[in-house]
PDB file of N, CA and C in Angstrom:
ATOM      1  N   MET A   1     114.528   3.737  72.341  1.00  0.00           N
ATOM      2  CA  MET A   1     113.354   3.652  71.484  1.00  0.00           C
ATOM      3  C   MET A   1     113.486   4.731  70.408  1.00  0.00           C
ATOM      4  N   GLY A   2     113.366   4.296  69.173  1.00  0.00           N
ATOM      5  CA  GLY A   2     113.457   5.222  68.063  1.00  0.00           C
ATOM      6  C   GLY A   2     112.129   5.915  67.799  1.00  0.00           C
ATOM      7  N   VAL A   3     112.164   6.843  66.863  1.00  0.00           N
ATOM      8  CA  VAL A   3     110.973   7.617  66.523  1.00  0.00           C
ATOM      9  C   VAL A   3     109.871   6.716  65.966  1.00  0.00           C
ATOM     10  N   ARG A   4     110.233   5.757  65.141  1.00  0.00           N
ATOM     11  CA  ARG A   4     109.222   4.862  64.561  1.00  0.00           C
ATOM     12  C   ARG A   4     108.561   3.997  65.629  1.00  0.00           C
ATOM     13  N   GLU A   5     109.346   3.490  66.563  1.00  0.00           N
ATOM     14  CA  GLU A   5     108.780   2.681  67.643  1.00  0.00           C
ATOM     15  C   GLU A   5     107.858   3.514  68.515  1.00  0.00           C
ATOM     16  N   LEU A   6     108.274   4.754  68.795  1.00  0.00           N
ATOM     17  CA  LEU A   6     107.443   5.653  69.600  1.00  0.00           C
ATOM     18  C   LEU A   6     106.133   5.952  68.875  1.00  0.00           C
ATOM     19  N   ALA A   7     106.204   6.247  67.581  1.00  0.00           N
ATOM     20  CA  ALA A   7     104.996   6.519  66.800  1.00  0.00           C
ATOM     21  C   ALA A   7     104.084   5.302  66.776  1.00  0.00           C
ATOM     22  N   SER A   8     104.660   4.116  66.658  1.00  0.00           N
ATOM     23  CA  SER A   8     103.866   2.888  66.654  1.00  0.00           C
ATOM     24  C   SER A   8     103.178   2.670  68.002  1.00  0.00           C
ATOM     25  N   ALA A   9     103.893   2.932  69.095  1.00  0.00           N
ATOM     26  CA  ALA A   9     103.311   2.776  70.429  1.00  0.00           C
ATOM     27  C   ALA A   9     102.170   3.762  70.645  1.00  0.00           C
ATOM     28  N   ILE A  10     102.344   4.988  70.221  1.00  0.00           N
ATOM     29  CA  ILE A  10     101.298   6.011  70.358  1.00  0.00           C
ATOM     30  C   ILE A  10     100.071   5.610  69.534  1.00  0.00           C
ATOM     31  N   LYS A  11     100.295   5.130  68.326  1.00  0.00           N
ATOM     32  CA  LYS A  11      99.184   4.707  67.469  1.00  0.00           C
ATOM     33  C   LYS A  11      98.396   3.573  68.120  1.00  0.00           C
ATOM     34  N   ARG A  12      99.083   2.597  68.718  1.00  0.00           N
ATOM     35  CA  ARG A  12      98.387   1.485  69.377  1.00  0.00           C
ATOM     36  C   ARG A  12      97.509   1.987  70.519  1.00  0.00           C
ATOM     37  N   VAL A  13      98.039   2.909  71.314  1.00  0.00           N
ATOM     38  CA  VAL A  13      97.273   3.447  72.445  1.00  0.00           C
ATOM     39  C   VAL A  13      96.049   4.206  71.952  1.00  0.00           C
ATOM     40  N   VAL A  14      96.223   5.048  70.959  1.00  0.00           N
ATOM     41  CA  VAL A  14      95.106   5.835  70.415  1.00  0.00           C
ATOM     42  C   VAL A  14      94.072   4.919  69.783  1.00  0.00           C
ATOM     43  N   ASP A  15      94.499   3.923  69.020  1.00  0.00           N
ATOM     44  CA  ASP A  15      93.557   2.991  68.391  1.00  0.00           C
ATOM     45  C   ASP A  15      92.747   2.238  69.438  1.00  0.00           C
ATOM     46  N   GLU A  16      93.393   1.794  70.515  1.00  0.00           N
ATOM     47  CA  GLU A  16      92.688   1.071  71.576  1.00  0.00           C
ATOM     48  C   GLU A  16      91.665   1.976  72.260  1.00  0.00           C
ATOM     49  N   ARG A  17      92.027   3.227  72.488  1.00  0.00           N
ATOM     50  CA  ARG A  17      91.090   4.165  73.122  1.00  0.00           C
ATOM     51  C   ARG A  17      89.876   4.401  72.229  1.00  0.00           C
ATOM     52  N   ILE A  18      90.094   4.544  70.942  1.00  0.00           N
ATOM     53  CA  ILE A  18      88.988   4.747  70.008  1.00  0.00           C
ATOM     54  C   ILE A  18      88.063   3.531  70.021  1.00  0.00           C
ATOM     55  N   LYS A  19      88.627   2.324  70.060  1.00  0.00           N
ATOM     56  CA  LYS A  19      87.807   1.114  70.110  1.00  0.00           C
ATOM     57  C   LYS A  19      86.961   1.078  71.375  1.00  0.00           C
ATOM     58  N   ARG A  20      87.553   1.425  72.521  1.00  0.00           N
ATOM     59  CA  ARG A  20      86.802   1.414  73.777  1.00  0.00           C
ATOM     60  C   ARG A  20      85.681   2.432  73.752  1.00  0.00           C
ATOM     61  N   GLU A  21      85.961   3.641  73.266  1.00  0.00           N
ATOM     62  CA  GLU A  21      84.938   4.688  73.233  1.00  0.00           C
ATOM     63  C   GLU A  21      83.825   4.341  72.268  1.00  0.00           C
ATOM     64  N   ALA A  22      84.130   3.641  71.198  1.00  0.00           N
ATOM     65  CA  ALA A  22      83.108   3.261  70.217  1.00  0.00           C
ATOM     66  C   ALA A  22      82.141   2.235  70.795  1.00  0.00           C
ATOM     67  N   ARG A  23      82.557   1.506  71.813  1.00  0.00           N
ATOM     68  CA  ARG A  23      81.689   0.485  72.413  1.00  0.00           C
ATOM     69  C   ARG A  23      80.737   1.058  73.452  1.00  0.00           C
ATOM     70  N   ALA A  24      80.978   2.280  73.921  1.00  0.00           N
ATOM     71  CA  ALA A  24      80.120   2.851  74.963  1.00  0.00           C
ATOM     72  C   ALA A  24      78.682   2.963  74.439  1.00  0.00           C
ATOM     73  N   MET A  25      77.730   2.598  75.304  1.00  0.00           N
ATOM     74  CA  MET A  25      76.319   2.626  74.924  1.00  0.00           C
ATOM     75  C   MET A  25      75.565   3.579  75.833  1.00  0.00           C
ATOM     76  N   ARG A  26      74.582   4.247  75.280  1.00  0.00           N
ATOM     77  CA  ARG A  26      73.709   5.114  76.062  1.00  0.00           C
ATOM     78  C   ARG A  26      72.501   4.283  76.462  1.00  0.00           C
ATOM     79  N   GLY A  27      72.108   4.375  77.714  1.00  0.00           N
ATOM     80  CA  GLY A  27      70.957   3.602  78.161  1.00  0.00           C
ATOM     81  C   GLY A  27      70.357   4.193  79.424  1.00  0.00           C
ATOM     82  N   THR A  28      69.458   3.443  80.019  1.00  0.00           N
ATOM     83  CA  THR A  28      68.709   3.888  81.192  1.00  0.00           C
ATOM     84  C   THR A  28      68.821   2.844  82.294  1.00  0.00           C
ATOM     85  N   ILE A  29      68.905   3.319  83.526  1.00  0.00           N
ATOM     86  CA  ILE A  29      68.838   2.422  84.671  1.00  0.00           C
ATOM     87  C   ILE A  29      67.363   2.158  84.962  1.00  0.00           C
ATOM     88  N   GLN A  30      66.954   0.901  84.953  1.00  0.00           N
ATOM     89  CA  GLN A  30      65.570   0.516  85.244  1.00  0.00           C
ATOM     90  C   GLN A  30      65.580  -0.711  86.146  1.00  0.00           C
ATOM     91  N   ASN A  31      64.952  -0.589  87.298  1.00  0.00           N
ATOM     92  CA  ASN A  31      64.817  -1.722  88.223  1.00  0.00           C
ATOM     93  C   ASN A  31      66.155  -2.385  88.548  1.00  0.00           C
ATOM     94  N   GLY A  32      67.191  -1.572  88.724  1.00  0.00           N
ATOM     95  CA  GLY A  32      68.492  -2.090  89.139  1.00  0.00           C
ATOM     96  C   GLY A  32      69.356  -2.687  88.052  1.00  0.00           C
ATOM     97  N   VAL A  33      68.974  -2.523  86.784  1.00  0.00           N
ATOM     98  CA  VAL A  33      69.798  -2.995  85.672  1.00  0.00           C
ATOM     99  C   VAL A  33      69.963  -1.878  84.648  1.00  0.00           C
ATOM    100  N   PHE A  34      71.039  -1.960  83.867  1.00  0.00           N
ATOM    101  CA  PHE A  34      71.279  -1.017  82.776  1.00  0.00           C
ATOM    102  C   PHE A  34      70.592  -1.571  81.539  1.00  0.00           C
ATOM    103  N   GLN A  35      69.754  -0.759  80.881  1.00  0.00           N
ATOM    104  CA  GLN A  35      69.050  -1.181  79.672  1.00  0.00           C
ATOM    105  C   GLN A  35      69.434  -0.279  78.511  1.00  0.00           C
ATOM    106  N   SER A  36      69.810  -0.927  77.416  1.00  0.00           N
ATOM    107  CA  SER A  36      70.129  -0.209  76.180  1.00  0.00           C
ATOM    108  C   SER A  36      69.446  -0.962  75.051  1.00  0.00           C
ATOM    109  N   GLY A  37      68.471  -0.321  74.454  1.00  0.00           N
ATOM    110  CA  GLY A  37      67.686  -1.011  73.429  1.00  0.00           C
ATOM    111  C   GLY A  37      66.943  -2.172  74.052  1.00  0.00           C
ATOM    112  N   SER A  38      67.059  -3.345  73.453  1.00  0.00           N
ATOM    113  CA  SER A  38      66.357  -4.521  73.970  1.00  0.00           C
ATOM    114  C   SER A  38      67.219  -5.341  74.933  1.00  0.00           C
ATOM    115  N   LYS A  39      68.444  -4.883  75.215  1.00  0.00           N
ATOM    116  CA  LYS A  39      69.347  -5.641  76.085  1.00  0.00           C
ATOM    117  C   LYS A  39      69.396  -5.050  77.489  1.00  0.00           C
ATOM    118  N   SER A  40      69.532  -5.921  78.473  1.00  0.00           N
ATOM    119  CA  SER A  40      69.656  -5.515  79.876  1.00  0.00           C
ATOM    120  C   SER A  40      70.926  -6.128  80.459  1.00  0.00           C
ATOM    121  N   TYR A  41      71.608  -5.369  81.299  1.00  0.00           N
ATOM    122  CA  TYR A  41      72.848  -5.822  81.917  1.00  0.00           C
ATOM    123  C   TYR A  41      72.852  -5.454  83.396  1.00  0.00           C
ATOM    124  N   PRO A  42      73.316  -6.357  84.279  1.00  0.00           N
ATOM    125  CA  PRO A  42      73.623  -5.910  85.631  1.00  0.00           C
ATOM    126  C   PRO A  42      74.781  -4.915  85.499  1.00  0.00           C
ATOM    127  N   TYR A  43      74.935  -3.996  86.421  1.00  0.00           N
ATOM    128  CA  TYR A  43      75.972  -2.987  86.224  1.00  0.00           C
ATOM    129  C   TYR A  43      76.832  -2.771  87.457  1.00  0.00           C
ATOM    130  N   LYS A  44      78.005  -2.172  87.186  1.00  0.00           N
ATOM    131  CA  LYS A  44      78.933  -1.703  88.207  1.00  0.00           C
ATOM    132  C   LYS A  44      79.242  -0.255  87.871  1.00  0.00           C
ATOM    133  N   GLN A  45      79.544   0.530  88.876  1.00  0.00           N
ATOM    134  CA  GLN A  45      79.849   1.935  88.637  1.00  0.00           C
ATOM    135  C   GLN A  45      81.346   2.180  88.620  1.00  0.00           C
ATOM    136  N   ALA A  46      81.815   2.941  87.633  1.00  0.00           N
ATOM    137  CA  ALA A  46      83.214   3.358  87.579  1.00  0.00           C
ATOM    138  C   ALA A  46      83.339   4.835  87.932  1.00  0.00           C
ATOM    139  N   VAL A  47      82.236   5.546  87.899  1.00  0.00           N
ATOM    140  CA  VAL A  47      82.221   6.974  88.227  1.00  0.00           C
ATOM    141  C   VAL A  47      81.058   7.251  89.173  1.00  0.00           C
ATOM    142  N   GLU A  48      81.164   8.351  89.887  1.00  0.00           N
ATOM    143  CA  GLU A  48      80.095   8.770  90.793  1.00  0.00           C
ATOM    144  C   GLU A  48      79.023   9.475  89.961  1.00  0.00           C
ATOM    145  N   CYS A  49      77.849   8.884  89.887  1.00  0.00           N
ATOM    146  CA  CYS A  49      76.737   9.500  89.168  1.00  0.00           C
ATOM    147  C   CYS A  49      75.430   8.932  89.709  1.00  0.00           C
ATOM    148  N   ASN A  50      74.340   9.552  89.333  1.00  0.00           N
ATOM    149  CA  ASN A  50      73.025   9.133  89.782  1.00  0.00           C
ATOM    150  C   ASN A  50      72.628   7.847  89.052  1.00  0.00           C
ATOM    151  N   THR A  51      72.359   6.794  89.824  1.00  0.00           N
ATOM    152  CA  THR A  51      71.936   5.538  89.215  1.00  0.00           C
ATOM    153  C   THR A  51      70.557   5.110  89.720  1.00  0.00           C
ATOM    154  N   SER A  52      69.752   6.105  90.075  1.00  0.00           N
ATOM    155  CA  SER A  52      68.385   5.770  90.467  1.00  0.00           C
ATOM    156  C   SER A  52      67.598   5.372  89.222  1.00  0.00           C
ATOM    157  N   SER A  53      66.499   4.667  89.417  1.00  0.00           N
ATOM    158  CA  SER A  53      65.699   4.189  88.302  1.00  0.00           C
ATOM    159  C   SER A  53      65.272   5.357  87.414  1.00  0.00           C
ATOM    160  N   GLY A  54      65.469   5.211  86.109  1.00  0.00           N
ATOM    161  CA  GLY A  54      65.134   6.257  85.153  1.00  0.00           C
ATOM    162  C   GLY A  54      66.307   7.119  84.736  1.00  0.00           C
ATOM    163  N   SER A  55      67.452   6.977  85.405  1.00  0.00           N
ATOM    164  CA  SER A  55      68.630   7.787  85.065  1.00  0.00           C
ATOM    165  C   SER A  55      69.208   7.357  83.727  1.00  0.00           C
ATOM    166  N   ARG A  56      69.592   8.338  82.895  1.00  0.00           N
ATOM    167  CA  ARG A  56      70.256   8.069  81.614  1.00  0.00           C
ATOM    168  C   ARG A  56      71.754   8.083  81.850  1.00  0.00           C
ATOM    169  N   VAL A  57      72.451   7.033  81.402  1.00  0.00           N
ATOM    170  CA  VAL A  57      73.886   6.901  81.632  1.00  0.00           C
ATOM    171  C   VAL A  57      74.583   6.318  80.404  1.00  0.00           C
ATOM    172  N   TRP A  58      75.922   6.425  80.388  1.00  0.00           N
ATOM    173  CA  TRP A  58      76.770   5.785  79.396  1.00  0.00           C
ATOM    174  C   TRP A  58      77.432   4.596  80.059  1.00  0.00           C
ATOM    175  N   ALA A  59      77.521   3.473  79.357  1.00  0.00           N
ATOM    176  CA  ALA A  59      78.137   2.277  79.932  1.00  0.00           C
ATOM    177  C   ALA A  59      78.913   1.510  78.868  1.00  0.00           C
ATOM    178  N   LEU A  60      79.920   0.795  79.344  1.00  0.00           N
ATOM    179  CA  LEU A  60      80.693  -0.102  78.494  1.00  0.00           C
ATOM    180  C   LEU A  60      80.327  -1.533  78.858  1.00  0.00           C
ATOM    181  N   PRO A  61      79.911  -2.333  77.889  1.00  0.00           N
ATOM    182  CA  PRO A  61      79.645  -3.737  78.206  1.00  0.00           C
ATOM    183  C   PRO A  61      80.970  -4.456  78.465  1.00  0.00           C
ATOM    184  N   SER A  62      80.988  -5.340  79.452  1.00  0.00           N
ATOM    185  CA  SER A  62      82.210  -6.081  79.757  1.00  0.00           C
ATOM    186  C   SER A  62      82.089  -7.502  79.228  1.00  0.00           C
ATOM    187  N   GLN A  63      83.199  -8.220  79.218  1.00  0.00           N
ATOM    188  CA  GLN A  63      83.210  -9.574  78.674  1.00  0.00           C
ATOM    189  C   GLN A  63      82.414 -10.549  79.550  1.00  0.00           C
ATOM    190  N   ASN A  64      82.227 -10.234  80.823  1.00  0.00           N
ATOM    191  CA  ASN A  64      81.496 -11.155  81.701  1.00  0.00           C
ATOM    192  C   ASN A  64      79.988 -10.914  81.711  1.00  0.00           C
ATOM    193  N   GLY A  65      79.510 -10.001  80.860  1.00  0.00           N
ATOM    194  CA  GLY A  65      78.070  -9.762  80.757  1.00  0.00           C
ATOM    195  C   GLY A  65      77.544  -8.605  81.581  1.00  0.00           C
ATOM    196  N   ASP A  66      78.413  -7.975  82.369  1.00  0.00           N
ATOM    197  CA  ASP A  66      78.020  -6.786  83.128  1.00  0.00           C
ATOM    198  C   ASP A  66      78.223  -5.544  82.268  1.00  0.00           C
ATOM    199  N   ALA A  67      77.657  -4.439  82.723  1.00  0.00           N
ATOM    200  CA  ALA A  67      77.926  -3.135  82.110  1.00  0.00           C
ATOM    201  C   ALA A  67      78.632  -2.294  83.160  1.00  0.00           C
ATOM    202  N   VAL A  68      79.617  -1.509  82.759  1.00  0.00           N
ATOM    203  CA  VAL A  68      80.332  -0.623  83.660  1.00  0.00           C
ATOM    204  C   VAL A  68      79.905   0.801  83.342  1.00  0.00           C
ATOM    205  N   ILE A  69      79.263   1.449  84.295  1.00  0.00           N
ATOM    206  CA  ILE A  69      78.788   2.832  84.109  1.00  0.00           C
ATOM    207  C   ILE A  69      80.001   3.752  84.073  1.00  0.00           C
ATOM    208  N   VAL A  70      80.138   4.504  82.969  1.00  0.00           N
ATOM    209  CA  VAL A  70      81.296   5.379  82.798  1.00  0.00           C
ATOM    210  C   VAL A  70      80.926   6.856  82.692  1.00  0.00           C
ATOM    211  N   GLY A  71      79.661   7.183  82.727  1.00  0.00           N
ATOM    212  CA  GLY A  71      79.254   8.591  82.644  1.00  0.00           C
ATOM    213  C   GLY A  71      77.759   8.741  82.693  1.00  0.00           C
ATOM    214  N   ALA A  72      77.353   9.979  82.927  1.00  0.00           N
ATOM    215  CA  ALA A  72      75.917  10.270  82.997  1.00  0.00           C
ATOM    216  C   ALA A  72      75.550  11.304  81.959  1.00  0.00           C
TER     217      ALA A  72
END
């Protein structure tokens, strides 16, 4: 692998990470669902954090309509 190919691979990884981080939403757990603005999503946890009702968390929406909790 040459320097240009390596630089291109690194750029792709960094660009993908930036896209994922830009999609993260801040919201609240209410009645067993993640709510951000006017939208509600069932959720799954990717990290250990408090998910009791009223907890503020960060989540990534998934393609299947769920939210994945990624931080508190």
